[in-house]
Amino acid sequence: MVCEKCGQETETIKCPRCGEMVLRLGSFCYHCGSELKTLPAESPEDPGDLDFSRRVLCSDGACIGVINEEGICKVCGKPYSPDA
């Protein structure tokens, strides 16, 4: 995308919380205020190495994601809540 202020080509990123494509101008989404983190792509050497018995599902009943190492859902970006 082109920056509206300077006209330079700028990196874009999809906000993990609101889903908007935003210019990578800072650490936070300028639509919803959520922190923008780029996580390294997960690519296991052997798909047989995946241990599904250790995964933690998102506590939001409407989401199909799993919780990452930081306690955040990989799909919707919400923090894990064991009480939900």
N, C-alpha and C. Protein backbone atom coordinates (compact mmCIF):
# COMPACT_ATOMS: atom_id res chain seq x y z
N MET A 1 0.84 -1.18 0.00
CA MET A 1 0.00 0.00 0.00
C MET A 1 0.88 1.24 0.00
N VAL A 2 0.31 2.31 -0.48
CA VAL A 2 1.03 3.58 -0.51
C VAL A 2 0.58 4.42 0.68
N CYS A 3 1.54 4.96 1.42
CA CYS A 3 1.25 5.82 2.57
C CYS A 3 0.58 7.10 2.08
N GLU A 4 -0.53 7.46 2.72
CA GLU A 4 -1.27 8.65 2.32
C GLU A 4 -0.49 9.94 2.58
N LYS A 5 0.39 9.94 3.57
CA LYS A 5 1.12 11.16 3.93
C LYS A 5 2.37 11.37 3.10
N CYS A 6 3.20 10.32 2.96
CA CYS A 6 4.49 10.51 2.30
C CYS A 6 4.53 9.96 0.87
N GLY A 7 3.56 9.14 0.48
CA GLY A 7 3.52 8.59 -0.86
C GLY A 7 4.45 7.42 -1.09
N GLN A 8 5.13 6.97 -0.04
CA GLN A 8 6.05 5.83 -0.15
C GLN A 8 5.29 4.51 -0.02
N GLU A 9 5.82 3.49 -0.68
CA GLU A 9 5.27 2.14 -0.55
C GLU A 9 5.57 1.66 0.88
N THR A 10 4.54 1.19 1.57
CA THR A 10 4.67 0.79 2.97
C THR A 10 4.14 -0.62 3.15
N GLU A 11 4.79 -1.37 4.03
CA GLU A 11 4.37 -2.74 4.34
C GLU A 11 2.99 -2.73 4.98
N THR A 12 2.16 -3.70 4.62
CA THR A 12 0.85 -3.83 5.24
C THR A 12 0.81 -5.12 6.05
N ILE A 13 -0.10 -5.14 6.99
CA ILE A 13 -0.28 -6.32 7.84
C ILE A 13 -1.77 -6.43 8.17
N LYS A 14 -2.25 -7.64 8.30
CA LYS A 14 -3.64 -7.86 8.67
C LYS A 14 -3.72 -7.87 10.19
N CYS A 15 -4.57 -7.03 10.74
CA CYS A 15 -4.73 -6.95 12.19
C CYS A 15 -5.32 -8.26 12.69
N PRO A 16 -4.69 -8.88 13.70
CA PRO A 16 -5.21 -10.15 14.20
C PRO A 16 -6.53 -10.02 14.94
N ARG A 17 -6.87 -8.81 15.36
CA ARG A 17 -8.11 -8.63 16.12
C ARG A 17 -9.29 -8.24 15.24
N CYS A 18 -9.13 -7.15 14.46
CA CYS A 18 -10.27 -6.66 13.68
C CYS A 18 -10.26 -7.15 12.23
N GLY A 19 -9.12 -7.68 11.76
CA GLY A 19 -9.04 -8.24 10.43
C GLY A 19 -8.79 -7.22 9.32
N GLU A 20 -8.65 -5.94 9.66
CA GLU A 20 -8.39 -4.90 8.66
C GLU A 20 -6.94 -4.97 8.18
N MET A 21 -6.73 -4.70 6.90
CA MET A 21 -5.38 -4.55 6.36
C MET A 21 -4.93 -3.13 6.68
N VAL A 22 -3.86 -2.99 7.44
CA VAL A 22 -3.38 -1.67 7.86
C VAL A 22 -1.93 -1.48 7.45
N LEU A 23 -1.53 -0.23 7.31
CA LEU A 23 -0.13 0.08 7.03
C LEU A 23 0.69 -0.22 8.27
N ARG A 24 1.86 -0.80 8.07
CA ARG A 24 2.73 -1.14 9.20
C ARG A 24 3.53 0.12 9.57
N LEU A 25 2.85 1.07 10.23
CA LEU A 25 3.46 2.34 10.61
C LEU A 25 3.87 2.35 12.07
N GLY A 26 3.39 1.42 12.83
CA GLY A 26 3.69 1.37 14.26
C GLY A 26 3.39 0.00 14.81
N SER A 27 3.31 -0.08 16.12
CA SER A 27 3.09 -1.35 16.79
C SER A 27 1.62 -1.66 17.05
N PHE A 28 0.73 -0.71 16.71
CA PHE A 28 -0.68 -0.90 17.02
C PHE A 28 -1.56 -0.62 15.81
N CYS A 29 -2.68 -1.33 15.74
CA CYS A 29 -3.67 -1.13 14.67
C CYS A 29 -4.34 0.22 14.85
N TYR A 30 -4.43 1.01 13.79
CA TYR A 30 -5.07 2.31 13.92
C TYR A 30 -6.58 2.24 13.73
N HIS A 31 -7.12 1.03 13.57
CA HIS A 31 -8.58 0.86 13.53
C HIS A 31 -9.12 0.48 14.91
N CYS A 32 -8.47 -0.50 15.56
CA CYS A 32 -9.00 -1.00 16.84
C CYS A 32 -8.04 -0.84 18.02
N GLY A 33 -6.78 -0.49 17.76
CA GLY A 33 -5.81 -0.28 18.85
C GLY A 33 -5.09 -1.54 19.30
N SER A 34 -5.38 -2.67 18.68
CA SER A 34 -4.74 -3.92 19.06
C SER A 34 -3.26 -3.92 18.66
N GLU A 35 -2.44 -4.61 19.46
CA GLU A 35 -1.02 -4.71 19.15
C GLU A 35 -0.81 -5.55 17.89
N LEU A 36 0.06 -5.08 17.00
CA LEU A 36 0.37 -5.80 15.77
C LEU A 36 1.66 -6.57 15.97
N LYS A 37 1.56 -7.88 15.96
CA LYS A 37 2.73 -8.73 16.09
C LYS A 37 2.81 -9.61 14.87
N THR A 38 4.00 -9.79 14.37
CA THR A 38 4.18 -10.77 13.30
C THR A 38 4.81 -11.99 13.92
N LEU A 39 4.10 -13.08 13.85
CA LEU A 39 4.59 -14.33 14.40
C LEU A 39 5.30 -15.11 13.32
N PRO A 40 6.39 -15.80 13.66
CA PRO A 40 7.05 -16.61 12.65
C PRO A 40 6.13 -17.70 12.15
N ALA A 41 6.21 -17.94 10.87
CA ALA A 41 5.36 -18.98 10.28
C ALA A 41 5.73 -20.34 10.86
N GLU A 42 4.71 -21.08 11.21
CA GLU A 42 4.94 -22.41 11.76
C GLU A 42 5.02 -23.40 10.62
N SER A 43 6.11 -24.11 10.56
CA SER A 43 6.25 -25.12 9.53
C SER A 43 6.99 -26.33 10.11
N PRO A 44 6.24 -27.25 10.67
CA PRO A 44 6.88 -28.44 11.23
C PRO A 44 7.55 -29.25 10.13
N GLU A 45 8.70 -29.85 10.47
CA GLU A 45 9.42 -30.67 9.48
C GLU A 45 8.56 -31.84 9.02
N ASP A 46 7.91 -32.48 9.96
CA ASP A 46 7.11 -33.65 9.65
C ASP A 46 5.72 -33.45 10.23
N PRO A 47 4.68 -33.43 9.40
CA PRO A 47 3.33 -33.24 9.92
C PRO A 47 2.95 -34.28 10.97
N GLY A 48 3.61 -35.39 11.00
CA GLY A 48 3.36 -36.42 12.00
C GLY A 48 3.84 -36.03 13.38
N ASP A 49 4.65 -34.95 13.46
CA ASP A 49 5.17 -34.49 14.74
C ASP A 49 4.16 -33.66 15.53
N LEU A 50 3.04 -33.30 14.92
CA LEU A 50 2.04 -32.50 15.61
C LEU A 50 1.39 -33.32 16.72
N ASP A 51 1.31 -32.74 17.91
CA ASP A 51 0.70 -33.42 19.04
C ASP A 51 -0.61 -32.71 19.37
N PHE A 52 -1.70 -33.17 18.78
CA PHE A 52 -2.99 -32.53 18.97
C PHE A 52 -3.53 -32.69 20.39
N SER A 53 -3.02 -33.63 21.15
CA SER A 53 -3.52 -33.82 22.51
C SER A 53 -3.06 -32.71 23.45
N ARG A 54 -2.05 -31.94 23.05
CA ARG A 54 -1.53 -30.86 23.90
C ARG A 54 -2.06 -29.48 23.52
N ARG A 55 -2.85 -29.39 22.48
CA ARG A 55 -3.35 -28.08 22.05
C ARG A 55 -4.46 -27.59 23.00
N VAL A 56 -4.58 -26.28 23.09
CA VAL A 56 -5.62 -25.65 23.91
C VAL A 56 -6.51 -24.87 22.95
N LEU A 57 -7.79 -25.21 22.95
CA LEU A 57 -8.73 -24.54 22.05
C LEU A 57 -9.13 -23.17 22.59
N CYS A 58 -9.49 -22.29 21.69
CA CYS A 58 -9.93 -20.94 22.04
C CYS A 58 -11.14 -21.04 22.96
N SER A 59 -11.17 -20.16 23.97
CA SER A 59 -12.27 -20.18 24.93
C SER A 59 -13.52 -19.47 24.41
N ASP A 60 -13.41 -18.77 23.28
CA ASP A 60 -14.57 -18.15 22.65
C ASP A 60 -15.33 -19.25 21.91
N GLY A 61 -16.54 -19.51 22.29
CA GLY A 61 -17.33 -20.60 21.72
C GLY A 61 -17.59 -20.49 20.23
N ALA A 62 -17.42 -19.29 19.66
CA ALA A 62 -17.68 -19.09 18.24
C ALA A 62 -16.41 -19.22 17.39
N CYS A 63 -15.26 -19.41 18.02
CA CYS A 63 -13.98 -19.44 17.30
C CYS A 63 -13.46 -20.88 17.19
N ILE A 64 -12.72 -21.15 16.12
CA ILE A 64 -12.18 -22.49 15.91
C ILE A 64 -10.67 -22.54 16.13
N GLY A 65 -10.09 -21.46 16.64
CA GLY A 65 -8.64 -21.36 16.79
C GLY A 65 -8.08 -22.11 17.99
N VAL A 66 -6.76 -22.13 18.06
CA VAL A 66 -6.03 -22.70 19.19
C VAL A 66 -5.18 -21.60 19.83
N ILE A 67 -4.84 -21.80 21.08
CA ILE A 67 -4.09 -20.81 21.85
C ILE A 67 -2.59 -21.01 21.60
N ASN A 68 -1.88 -19.88 21.36
CA ASN A 68 -0.44 -19.95 21.13
C ASN A 68 0.33 -19.89 22.46
N GLU A 69 1.64 -19.82 22.39
CA GLU A 69 2.50 -19.84 23.57
C GLU A 69 2.29 -18.62 24.47
N GLU A 70 1.83 -17.50 23.88
CA GLU A 70 1.60 -16.28 24.65
C GLU A 70 0.21 -16.24 25.29
N GLY A 71 -0.61 -17.27 25.07
CA GLY A 71 -1.95 -17.31 25.64
C GLY A 71 -2.99 -16.60 24.80
N ILE A 72 -2.69 -16.36 23.51
CA ILE A 72 -3.58 -15.65 22.60
C ILE A 72 -4.05 -16.61 21.51
N CYS A 73 -5.32 -16.50 21.13
CA CYS A 73 -5.85 -17.33 20.06
C CYS A 73 -5.20 -16.96 18.74
N LYS A 74 -4.79 -17.95 17.97
CA LYS A 74 -4.14 -17.72 16.68
C LYS A 74 -5.12 -17.23 15.61
N VAL A 75 -6.42 -17.42 15.81
CA VAL A 75 -7.41 -17.03 14.81
C VAL A 75 -8.05 -15.68 15.14
N CYS A 76 -8.62 -15.55 16.34
CA CYS A 76 -9.36 -14.33 16.66
C CYS A 76 -8.55 -13.31 17.46
N GLY A 77 -7.42 -13.73 18.04
CA GLY A 77 -6.57 -12.80 18.77
C GLY A 77 -6.99 -12.53 20.20
N LYS A 78 -8.01 -13.21 20.68
CA LYS A 78 -8.46 -12.99 22.06
C LYS A 78 -7.59 -13.79 23.03
N PRO A 79 -7.38 -13.25 24.23
CA PRO A 79 -6.63 -14.00 25.25
C PRO A 79 -7.46 -15.18 25.76
N TYR A 80 -6.76 -16.23 26.16
CA TYR A 80 -7.42 -17.43 26.68
C TYR A 80 -8.04 -17.14 28.03
N SER A 81 -9.26 -17.57 28.24
CA SER A 81 -9.95 -17.43 29.51
C SER A 81 -10.48 -18.79 29.93
N PRO A 82 -9.82 -19.42 30.92
CA PRO A 82 -10.25 -20.77 31.30
C PRO A 82 -11.66 -20.81 31.91
N ASP A 83 -12.17 -19.66 32.36
CA ASP A 83 -13.50 -19.61 32.98
C ASP A 83 -14.63 -19.57 31.96
N ALA A 84 -14.29 -19.31 30.70
CA ALA A 84 -15.34 -19.15 29.67
C ALA A 84 -15.94 -20.47 29.28
